[in-house]
């Protein structure tokens, strides 16, 4: 499914200009500066929690920027599943000037069936989470959720990729990451 910028903006106002490398950096900066978190994995990641059972682990800004400098930045939310929580395992890659969001089968199921939108809103409800961070999460869930409602979970264990193309974005099931341009 290819979406023009106008179609993206119809799903979520401003979506066509929101999912950029610069906004991901701004979102991580806001989170680290303004939201209490626990440093994990030797300082390479931070876990943010709403205090009500939802948490998400993202790379630290320093880790993300170091990966960006090597033209292969990856933003991966670690998966943790317990009796009371399931966290997403979505990944973001800034590769060759292209933003690529990746959703594995677990992510797709969460978005389609288990109310990942509610999880996104839970993160947005953490006091002092910035508008950019909240908007990036909401746009990602809105666009992929729209695809999954129309097309269902990707078959054969394939990932769902959302990546920018000239004049819009493409959302599709693939067995490998889209190439850089």
N, C-alpha and C. Protein backbone atom coordinates (compact mmCIF):
# COMPACT_ATOMS: atom_id res chain seq x y z
N UNK A 1 0.86 -1.16 0.00
CA UNK A 1 0.00 0.00 0.00
C UNK A 1 0.91 1.23 0.00
N UNK A 2 0.73 2.07 -0.99
CA UNK A 2 1.47 3.32 -1.05
C UNK A 2 0.52 4.46 -0.72
N UNK A 3 0.96 5.32 0.18
CA UNK A 3 0.17 6.46 0.61
C UNK A 3 0.84 7.74 0.15
N UNK A 4 0.07 8.61 -0.46
CA UNK A 4 0.61 9.92 -0.79
C UNK A 4 0.73 10.72 0.50
N UNK A 5 1.43 11.83 0.44
CA UNK A 5 1.52 12.69 1.62
C UNK A 5 0.14 13.15 2.07
N UNK A 6 -0.75 13.44 1.13
CA UNK A 6 -2.11 13.88 1.48
C UNK A 6 -2.87 12.76 2.19
N UNK A 7 -2.68 11.51 1.75
CA UNK A 7 -3.35 10.38 2.41
C UNK A 7 -2.80 10.15 3.81
N UNK A 8 -1.49 10.30 3.98
CA UNK A 8 -0.90 10.19 5.32
C UNK A 8 -1.48 11.27 6.24
N UNK A 9 -1.57 12.49 5.72
CA UNK A 9 -2.09 13.59 6.53
C UNK A 9 -3.57 13.41 6.85
N UNK A 10 -4.31 12.70 5.99
CA UNK A 10 -5.72 12.41 6.27
C UNK A 10 -5.84 11.41 7.42
N UNK A 11 -4.89 10.47 7.53
CA UNK A 11 -4.90 9.51 8.64
C UNK A 11 -4.54 10.19 9.96
N UNK A 12 -3.55 11.09 9.89
CA UNK A 12 -3.10 11.81 11.07
C UNK A 12 -2.53 13.14 10.59
N UNK A 13 -3.14 14.25 10.96
CA UNK A 13 -2.67 15.55 10.47
C UNK A 13 -1.18 15.77 10.72
N UNK A 14 -0.46 16.10 9.65
CA UNK A 14 0.97 16.35 9.74
C UNK A 14 1.85 15.12 9.65
N UNK A 15 1.26 13.94 9.47
CA UNK A 15 2.03 12.70 9.45
C UNK A 15 3.10 12.69 8.37
N UNK A 16 2.83 13.31 7.23
CA UNK A 16 3.78 13.25 6.11
C UNK A 16 5.10 13.95 6.42
N UNK A 17 5.10 14.87 7.36
CA UNK A 17 6.33 15.57 7.69
C UNK A 17 6.88 15.18 9.07
N UNK A 18 6.18 14.33 9.78
CA UNK A 18 6.56 14.02 11.16
C UNK A 18 7.61 12.93 11.28
N UNK A 19 7.53 11.87 10.49
CA UNK A 19 8.41 10.73 10.67
C UNK A 19 9.75 10.96 9.95
N UNK A 20 10.57 11.80 10.56
CA UNK A 20 11.90 12.09 10.03
C UNK A 20 12.95 11.74 11.06
N UNK A 21 14.16 11.58 10.59
CA UNK A 21 15.27 11.30 11.49
C UNK A 21 15.41 12.41 12.54
N UNK A 22 15.26 13.64 12.11
CA UNK A 22 15.38 14.78 13.03
C UNK A 22 14.33 14.72 14.12
N UNK A 23 13.10 14.34 13.78
CA UNK A 23 12.05 14.26 14.79
C UNK A 23 12.25 13.08 15.74
N UNK A 24 12.82 11.98 15.24
CA UNK A 24 13.14 10.86 16.13
C UNK A 24 14.18 11.33 17.16
N UNK A 25 15.21 12.05 16.69
CA UNK A 25 16.23 12.58 17.60
C UNK A 25 15.58 13.55 18.60
N UNK A 26 14.69 14.42 18.12
CA UNK A 26 14.02 15.37 19.01
C UNK A 26 13.16 14.63 20.04
N UNK A 27 12.49 13.58 19.62
CA UNK A 27 11.65 12.80 20.54
C UNK A 27 12.51 12.14 21.63
N UNK A 28 13.62 11.51 21.23
CA UNK A 28 14.51 10.90 22.22
C UNK A 28 15.10 11.95 23.16
N UNK A 29 15.43 13.11 22.62
CA UNK A 29 15.96 14.19 23.44
C UNK A 29 14.93 14.62 24.48
N UNK A 30 13.69 14.82 24.05
CA UNK A 30 12.62 15.21 24.98
C UNK A 30 12.41 14.15 26.05
N UNK A 31 12.36 12.90 25.63
CA UNK A 31 12.14 11.83 26.61
C UNK A 31 13.25 11.80 27.65
N UNK A 32 14.51 11.81 27.19
CA UNK A 32 15.63 11.74 28.13
C UNK A 32 15.67 12.94 29.06
N UNK A 33 15.36 14.10 28.54
CA UNK A 33 15.44 15.32 29.33
C UNK A 33 14.29 15.44 30.33
N UNK A 34 13.09 15.06 29.92
CA UNK A 34 11.89 15.42 30.68
C UNK A 34 11.19 14.27 31.40
N UNK A 35 11.47 13.04 31.03
CA UNK A 35 10.72 11.91 31.58
C UNK A 35 11.63 11.04 32.44
N UNK A 36 11.22 10.77 33.68
CA UNK A 36 12.02 9.85 34.51
C UNK A 36 12.17 8.50 33.81
N UNK A 37 13.37 7.94 33.88
CA UNK A 37 13.63 6.67 33.22
C UNK A 37 14.75 5.93 33.94
N UNK A 38 14.85 4.66 33.60
CA UNK A 38 15.91 3.83 34.15
C UNK A 38 16.88 3.49 33.03
N UNK A 39 18.14 3.77 33.24
CA UNK A 39 19.16 3.42 32.26
C UNK A 39 19.40 1.92 32.32
N UNK A 40 19.42 1.26 31.17
CA UNK A 40 19.61 -0.19 31.10
C UNK A 40 20.64 -0.52 30.03
N UNK A 41 21.05 -1.77 30.00
CA UNK A 41 22.01 -2.26 29.00
C UNK A 41 23.29 -1.43 28.99
N UNK A 42 23.81 -1.15 30.17
CA UNK A 42 25.06 -0.41 30.27
C UNK A 42 24.97 1.03 29.76
N UNK A 43 23.78 1.61 29.85
CA UNK A 43 23.59 2.99 29.43
C UNK A 43 23.26 3.15 27.96
N UNK A 44 23.13 2.06 27.22
CA UNK A 44 22.82 2.16 25.80
C UNK A 44 21.33 2.30 25.53
N UNK A 45 20.51 2.12 26.57
CA UNK A 45 19.05 2.21 26.41
C UNK A 45 18.43 2.76 27.68
N UNK A 46 17.18 3.20 27.57
CA UNK A 46 16.42 3.71 28.71
C UNK A 46 15.04 3.09 28.71
N UNK A 47 14.55 2.76 29.91
CA UNK A 47 13.19 2.24 30.06
C UNK A 47 12.32 3.32 30.67
N UNK A 48 11.21 3.63 29.99
CA UNK A 48 10.24 4.63 30.43
C UNK A 48 8.99 3.89 30.86
N UNK A 49 8.38 4.32 31.95
CA UNK A 49 7.19 3.65 32.47
C UNK A 49 6.14 4.67 32.85
N UNK A 50 4.86 4.27 32.69
CA UNK A 50 3.77 5.17 33.09
C UNK A 50 3.36 4.95 34.54
N UNK A 51 4.01 4.00 35.23
CA UNK A 51 3.67 3.72 36.63
C UNK A 51 2.43 2.86 36.79
N UNK A 52 1.82 2.46 35.68
CA UNK A 52 0.60 1.66 35.73
C UNK A 52 0.77 0.33 35.00
N UNK A 53 2.01 -0.07 34.75
CA UNK A 53 2.25 -1.36 34.14
C UNK A 53 2.73 -1.31 32.71
N UNK A 54 2.66 -0.16 32.03
CA UNK A 54 3.16 -0.08 30.67
C UNK A 54 4.55 0.53 30.70
N UNK A 55 5.47 -0.09 29.97
CA UNK A 55 6.81 0.48 29.84
C UNK A 55 7.33 0.19 28.44
N UNK A 56 8.25 1.02 28.02
CA UNK A 56 8.89 0.81 26.72
C UNK A 56 10.36 1.13 26.88
N UNK A 57 11.21 0.33 26.25
CA UNK A 57 12.65 0.52 26.31
C UNK A 57 13.13 0.97 24.93
N UNK A 58 13.82 2.11 24.92
CA UNK A 58 14.33 2.69 23.69
C UNK A 58 15.82 2.94 23.84
N UNK A 59 16.56 3.00 22.73
CA UNK A 59 17.98 3.29 22.84
C UNK A 59 18.20 4.69 23.40
N UNK A 60 19.32 4.88 24.05
CA UNK A 60 19.65 6.22 24.53
C UNK A 60 19.92 7.11 23.33
N UNK A 61 19.81 8.41 23.53
CA UNK A 61 20.08 9.36 22.47
C UNK A 61 21.51 9.18 21.95
N UNK A 62 22.46 9.02 22.87
CA UNK A 62 23.85 8.83 22.48
C UNK A 62 24.05 7.61 21.60
N UNK A 63 23.40 6.50 21.95
CA UNK A 63 23.50 5.28 21.15
C UNK A 63 22.90 5.50 19.77
N UNK A 64 21.73 6.13 19.74
CA UNK A 64 21.06 6.37 18.46
C UNK A 64 21.89 7.28 17.57
N UNK A 65 22.45 8.36 18.14
CA UNK A 65 23.24 9.28 17.33
C UNK A 65 24.53 8.63 16.84
N UNK A 66 25.14 7.77 17.66
CA UNK A 66 26.35 7.07 17.23
C UNK A 66 26.05 6.15 16.04
N UNK A 67 24.90 5.49 16.09
CA UNK A 67 24.52 4.63 14.97
C UNK A 67 24.17 5.47 13.76
N UNK A 68 23.58 6.64 13.98
CA UNK A 68 23.24 7.54 12.86
C UNK A 68 24.49 7.97 12.12
N UNK A 69 25.55 8.26 12.87
CA UNK A 69 26.79 8.72 12.27
C UNK A 69 27.37 7.67 11.33
N UNK A 70 27.07 6.41 11.59
CA UNK A 70 27.57 5.34 10.72
C UNK A 70 26.56 5.00 9.63
N UNK A 71 25.52 5.85 9.45
CA UNK A 71 24.50 5.70 8.41
C UNK A 71 23.70 4.41 8.55
N UNK A 72 23.46 3.98 9.76
CA UNK A 72 22.66 2.79 9.96
C UNK A 72 21.97 2.82 11.30
N UNK A 73 21.39 3.97 11.65
CA UNK A 73 20.77 4.12 12.96
C UNK A 73 19.60 3.15 13.11
N UNK A 74 19.53 2.52 14.25
CA UNK A 74 18.43 1.61 14.52
C UNK A 74 17.80 1.99 15.85
N UNK A 75 16.50 2.14 15.84
CA UNK A 75 15.75 2.43 17.05
C UNK A 75 14.91 1.20 17.32
N UNK A 76 15.26 0.45 18.35
CA UNK A 76 14.57 -0.81 18.62
C UNK A 76 13.99 -0.77 20.02
N UNK A 77 12.70 -1.03 20.12
CA UNK A 77 12.07 -1.13 21.43
C UNK A 77 12.12 -2.59 21.84
N UNK A 78 12.78 -2.86 22.94
CA UNK A 78 13.00 -4.24 23.36
C UNK A 78 11.70 -4.93 23.74
N UNK A 79 11.61 -6.21 23.45
CA UNK A 79 10.42 -6.98 23.78
C UNK A 79 10.56 -7.62 25.15
N UNK A 80 9.57 -7.44 25.97
CA UNK A 80 9.49 -8.11 27.25
C UNK A 80 8.07 -8.60 27.42
N UNK A 81 7.90 -9.87 27.67
CA UNK A 81 6.57 -10.41 27.87
C UNK A 81 6.52 -11.08 29.24
N UNK A 82 5.60 -10.63 30.08
CA UNK A 82 5.37 -11.27 31.37
C UNK A 82 3.88 -11.54 31.47
N UNK A 83 3.45 -12.03 32.62
CA UNK A 83 2.03 -12.31 32.80
C UNK A 83 1.19 -11.05 32.68
N UNK A 84 1.76 -9.89 32.98
CA UNK A 84 0.95 -8.67 32.97
C UNK A 84 1.31 -7.68 31.88
N UNK A 85 2.43 -7.86 31.18
CA UNK A 85 2.81 -6.87 30.18
C UNK A 85 3.34 -7.53 28.92
N UNK A 86 3.11 -6.87 27.82
CA UNK A 86 3.75 -7.21 26.55
C UNK A 86 4.22 -5.90 25.97
N UNK A 87 5.50 -5.82 25.67
CA UNK A 87 6.04 -4.60 25.09
C UNK A 87 6.35 -4.83 23.63
N UNK A 88 6.23 -3.82 22.81
CA UNK A 88 6.48 -3.98 21.38
C UNK A 88 7.95 -4.20 21.08
N UNK A 89 8.21 -4.71 19.89
CA UNK A 89 9.56 -4.95 19.41
C UNK A 89 9.76 -4.23 18.08
N UNK A 90 9.13 -3.07 17.95
CA UNK A 90 9.24 -2.33 16.70
C UNK A 90 10.66 -1.82 16.53
N UNK A 91 11.05 -1.62 15.30
CA UNK A 91 12.40 -1.13 15.02
C UNK A 91 12.32 0.02 14.03
N UNK A 92 13.23 0.98 14.20
CA UNK A 92 13.35 2.12 13.29
C UNK A 92 14.77 2.12 12.78
N UNK A 93 14.92 2.33 11.51
CA UNK A 93 16.26 2.41 10.92
C UNK A 93 16.34 3.64 10.04
N UNK A 94 17.38 4.41 10.22
CA UNK A 94 17.68 5.51 9.31
C UNK A 94 18.81 5.01 8.44
N UNK A 95 18.47 4.58 7.24
CA UNK A 95 19.42 3.89 6.38
C UNK A 95 19.49 4.58 5.03
N UNK A 96 20.63 5.13 4.70
CA UNK A 96 20.83 5.75 3.41
C UNK A 96 19.86 6.88 3.12
N UNK A 97 19.52 7.65 4.15
CA UNK A 97 18.62 8.77 3.97
C UNK A 97 17.15 8.39 3.97
N UNK A 98 16.84 7.17 4.32
CA UNK A 98 15.46 6.69 4.32
C UNK A 98 15.08 6.24 5.73
N UNK A 99 13.91 6.70 6.19
CA UNK A 99 13.37 6.22 7.46
C UNK A 99 12.59 4.94 7.20
N UNK A 100 12.87 3.91 8.01
CA UNK A 100 12.19 2.63 7.85
C UNK A 100 11.72 2.17 9.22
N UNK A 101 10.41 1.97 9.39
CA UNK A 101 9.86 1.39 10.60
C UNK A 101 9.53 -0.07 10.31
N UNK A 102 9.89 -0.95 11.24
CA UNK A 102 9.67 -2.38 11.07
C UNK A 102 8.81 -2.91 12.21
N UNK A 103 7.77 -3.67 11.87
CA UNK A 103 6.88 -4.27 12.85
C UNK A 103 6.88 -5.78 12.62
N UNK A 104 7.35 -6.55 13.61
CA UNK A 104 7.33 -8.00 13.46
C UNK A 104 5.92 -8.54 13.72
N UNK A 105 5.76 -9.84 13.68
CA UNK A 105 4.43 -10.44 13.83
C UNK A 105 3.82 -10.09 15.18
N UNK A 106 4.62 -10.08 16.24
CA UNK A 106 4.10 -9.73 17.56
C UNK A 106 3.57 -8.30 17.57
N UNK A 107 4.32 -7.38 16.99
CA UNK A 107 3.88 -5.99 16.91
C UNK A 107 2.57 -5.87 16.16
N UNK A 108 2.49 -6.58 15.03
CA UNK A 108 1.29 -6.53 14.21
C UNK A 108 0.07 -7.02 14.99
N UNK A 109 0.26 -8.12 15.72
CA UNK A 109 -0.83 -8.64 16.54
C UNK A 109 -1.24 -7.66 17.63
N UNK A 110 -0.25 -7.03 18.27
CA UNK A 110 -0.56 -6.04 19.29
C UNK A 110 -1.38 -4.89 18.72
N UNK A 111 -0.93 -4.37 17.59
CA UNK A 111 -1.62 -3.23 16.98
C UNK A 111 -3.03 -3.62 16.55
N UNK A 112 -3.17 -4.78 15.94
CA UNK A 112 -4.47 -5.18 15.41
C UNK A 112 -5.43 -5.70 16.48
N UNK A 113 -4.92 -6.48 17.42
CA UNK A 113 -5.81 -7.21 18.33
C UNK A 113 -5.77 -6.79 19.79
N UNK A 114 -4.63 -6.35 20.26
CA UNK A 114 -4.48 -6.16 21.70
C UNK A 114 -4.46 -4.71 22.14
N UNK A 115 -4.87 -3.82 21.30
CA UNK A 115 -4.97 -2.42 21.72
C UNK A 115 -3.65 -1.72 21.85
N UNK A 116 -2.77 -1.87 20.86
CA UNK A 116 -1.50 -1.14 20.92
C UNK A 116 -1.73 0.36 20.90
N UNK A 117 -2.86 0.78 20.32
CA UNK A 117 -3.18 2.20 20.35
C UNK A 117 -3.28 2.66 21.80
N UNK A 118 -3.89 1.83 22.63
CA UNK A 118 -3.99 2.16 24.06
C UNK A 118 -2.60 2.24 24.68
N UNK A 119 -1.69 1.35 24.24
CA UNK A 119 -0.32 1.39 24.76
C UNK A 119 0.36 2.69 24.34
N UNK A 120 0.13 3.11 23.11
CA UNK A 120 0.69 4.38 22.65
C UNK A 120 0.15 5.54 23.45
N UNK A 121 -1.15 5.52 23.70
CA UNK A 121 -1.74 6.58 24.51
C UNK A 121 -1.23 6.51 25.95
N UNK A 122 -0.94 5.31 26.43
CA UNK A 122 -0.39 5.18 27.79
C UNK A 122 0.96 5.89 27.88
N UNK A 123 1.80 5.70 26.86
CA UNK A 123 3.09 6.38 26.87
C UNK A 123 2.87 7.89 26.78
N UNK A 124 1.93 8.31 25.95
CA UNK A 124 1.64 9.75 25.82
C UNK A 124 1.09 10.33 27.12
N UNK A 125 0.48 9.49 27.94
CA UNK A 125 -0.11 9.96 29.19
C UNK A 125 0.92 10.13 30.31
N UNK A 126 2.14 9.63 30.11
CA UNK A 126 3.18 9.83 31.12
C UNK A 126 3.39 11.34 31.24
N UNK A 127 3.31 11.85 32.45
CA UNK A 127 3.49 13.30 32.61
C UNK A 127 4.78 13.78 31.95
N UNK A 128 4.70 14.86 31.29
CA UNK A 128 5.78 15.58 30.62
C UNK A 128 6.37 14.88 29.40
N UNK A 129 5.72 13.83 28.87
CA UNK A 129 6.18 13.29 27.59
C UNK A 129 5.91 14.35 26.54
N UNK A 130 6.89 14.67 25.76
CA UNK A 130 6.77 15.74 24.79
C UNK A 130 5.83 15.43 23.65
N UNK A 131 5.38 16.47 23.00
CA UNK A 131 4.45 16.34 21.89
C UNK A 131 5.06 15.58 20.72
N UNK A 132 6.34 15.81 20.45
CA UNK A 132 6.95 15.12 19.31
C UNK A 132 6.99 13.61 19.56
N UNK A 133 7.43 13.20 20.75
CA UNK A 133 7.49 11.77 21.07
C UNK A 133 6.11 11.14 20.97
N UNK A 134 5.12 11.80 21.54
CA UNK A 134 3.76 11.28 21.50
C UNK A 134 3.25 11.21 20.06
N UNK A 135 3.49 12.24 19.28
CA UNK A 135 3.00 12.27 17.90
C UNK A 135 3.66 11.20 17.05
N UNK A 136 4.97 10.98 17.22
CA UNK A 136 5.67 9.95 16.45
C UNK A 136 5.07 8.58 16.74
N UNK A 137 4.84 8.28 18.01
CA UNK A 137 4.25 6.99 18.39
C UNK A 137 2.84 6.85 17.83
N UNK A 138 2.04 7.90 17.96
CA UNK A 138 0.65 7.86 17.50
C UNK A 138 0.57 7.68 15.99
N UNK A 139 1.41 8.40 15.24
CA UNK A 139 1.41 8.26 13.79
C UNK A 139 1.80 6.84 13.38
N UNK A 140 2.85 6.30 13.99
CA UNK A 140 3.28 4.94 13.65
C UNK A 140 2.16 3.93 13.86
N UNK A 141 1.47 4.04 14.97
CA UNK A 141 0.39 3.10 15.27
C UNK A 141 -0.81 3.32 14.36
N UNK A 142 -1.13 4.58 14.06
CA UNK A 142 -2.28 4.88 13.20
C UNK A 142 -2.07 4.36 11.79
N UNK A 143 -0.91 4.62 11.21
CA UNK A 143 -0.65 4.20 9.83
C UNK A 143 -0.59 2.68 9.72
N UNK A 144 0.16 2.03 10.62
CA UNK A 144 0.25 0.57 10.54
C UNK A 144 -1.07 -0.09 10.90
N UNK A 145 -1.78 0.48 11.86
CA UNK A 145 -3.10 -0.07 12.20
C UNK A 145 -4.05 -0.01 11.03
N UNK A 146 -4.03 1.09 10.29
CA UNK A 146 -4.88 1.22 9.11
C UNK A 146 -4.54 0.14 8.09
N UNK A 147 -3.26 -0.10 7.86
CA UNK A 147 -2.84 -1.15 6.93
C UNK A 147 -3.33 -2.52 7.40
N UNK A 148 -3.12 -2.81 8.69
CA UNK A 148 -3.48 -4.13 9.21
C UNK A 148 -4.98 -4.37 9.19
N UNK A 149 -5.78 -3.35 9.43
CA UNK A 149 -7.23 -3.50 9.36
C UNK A 149 -7.65 -3.85 7.94
N UNK A 150 -7.02 -3.23 6.96
CA UNK A 150 -7.35 -3.48 5.55
C UNK A 150 -6.82 -4.82 5.04
N UNK A 151 -5.60 -5.20 5.49
CA UNK A 151 -4.90 -6.32 4.87
C UNK A 151 -4.61 -7.50 5.79
N UNK A 152 -4.71 -7.31 7.09
CA UNK A 152 -4.41 -8.39 8.03
C UNK A 152 -2.93 -8.50 8.32
N UNK A 153 -2.61 -9.45 9.21
CA UNK A 153 -1.23 -9.71 9.63
C UNK A 153 -0.44 -10.24 8.43
N UNK A 154 0.81 -9.86 8.31
CA UNK A 154 1.67 -10.35 7.23
C UNK A 154 1.82 -11.86 7.35
N UNK A 155 1.69 -12.55 6.25
CA UNK A 155 1.77 -14.02 6.24
C UNK A 155 3.23 -14.48 6.29
N UNK A 156 3.42 -15.73 6.68
CA UNK A 156 4.72 -16.36 6.63
C UNK A 156 5.76 -15.74 7.54
N UNK A 157 5.33 -15.07 8.61
CA UNK A 157 6.27 -14.48 9.54
C UNK A 157 6.99 -13.25 9.00
N UNK A 158 6.48 -12.70 7.88
CA UNK A 158 7.13 -11.50 7.31
C UNK A 158 6.87 -10.28 8.19
N UNK A 159 7.79 -9.34 8.13
CA UNK A 159 7.64 -8.09 8.84
C UNK A 159 6.81 -7.11 8.03
N UNK A 160 6.19 -6.18 8.72
CA UNK A 160 5.50 -5.07 8.07
C UNK A 160 6.45 -3.89 8.10
N UNK A 161 6.74 -3.33 6.94
CA UNK A 161 7.64 -2.20 6.82
C UNK A 161 6.87 -0.96 6.41
N UNK A 162 7.22 0.17 7.02
CA UNK A 162 6.70 1.48 6.61
C UNK A 162 7.92 2.31 6.32
N UNK A 163 8.05 2.76 5.07
CA UNK A 163 9.22 3.53 4.70
C UNK A 163 8.83 4.65 3.74
N UNK A 164 9.65 5.71 3.78
CA UNK A 164 9.35 6.85 2.94
C UNK A 164 9.84 6.63 1.52
N UNK A 165 9.05 7.13 0.59
CA UNK A 165 9.39 7.12 -0.82
C UNK A 165 9.10 8.53 -1.33
N UNK A 166 9.59 8.87 -2.48
CA UNK A 166 9.36 10.20 -3.03
C UNK A 166 7.86 10.46 -3.13
N UNK A 167 7.41 11.52 -2.47
CA UNK A 167 6.01 11.92 -2.55
C UNK A 167 5.08 11.20 -1.60
N UNK A 168 5.59 10.36 -0.72
CA UNK A 168 4.71 9.67 0.21
C UNK A 168 5.42 8.57 0.97
N UNK A 169 4.67 7.54 1.30
CA UNK A 169 5.19 6.41 2.07
C UNK A 169 4.64 5.11 1.52
N UNK A 170 5.38 4.05 1.76
CA UNK A 170 4.92 2.71 1.40
C UNK A 170 4.82 1.89 2.67
N UNK A 171 3.72 1.16 2.80
CA UNK A 171 3.53 0.22 3.90
C UNK A 171 3.30 -1.13 3.25
N UNK A 172 4.15 -2.11 3.56
CA UNK A 172 4.01 -3.42 2.92
C UNK A 172 4.67 -4.51 3.73
N UNK A 173 4.19 -5.73 3.51
CA UNK A 173 4.80 -6.92 4.09
C UNK A 173 5.98 -7.31 3.22
N UNK A 174 7.09 -7.60 3.89
CA UNK A 174 8.31 -7.97 3.16
C UNK A 174 9.08 -8.99 3.98
N UNK A 175 9.89 -9.79 3.29
CA UNK A 175 10.74 -10.72 4.01
C UNK A 175 12.12 -10.13 4.26
N UNK A 176 12.43 -8.97 3.65
CA UNK A 176 13.69 -8.29 3.93
C UNK A 176 13.48 -6.78 3.93
N UNK A 177 14.37 -6.08 4.59
CA UNK A 177 14.28 -4.63 4.69
C UNK A 177 14.42 -3.98 3.33
N UNK A 178 13.65 -2.91 3.08
CA UNK A 178 13.82 -2.19 1.81
C UNK A 178 15.25 -1.66 1.68
N UNK A 179 15.75 -1.64 0.48
CA UNK A 179 17.12 -1.17 0.28
C UNK A 179 17.20 0.35 0.36
N UNK A 180 18.38 0.84 0.59
CA UNK A 180 18.63 2.28 0.60
C UNK A 180 18.57 2.78 -0.83
N UNK A 181 18.41 4.07 -0.98
CA UNK A 181 18.45 4.61 -2.35
C UNK A 181 19.72 5.31 -2.62
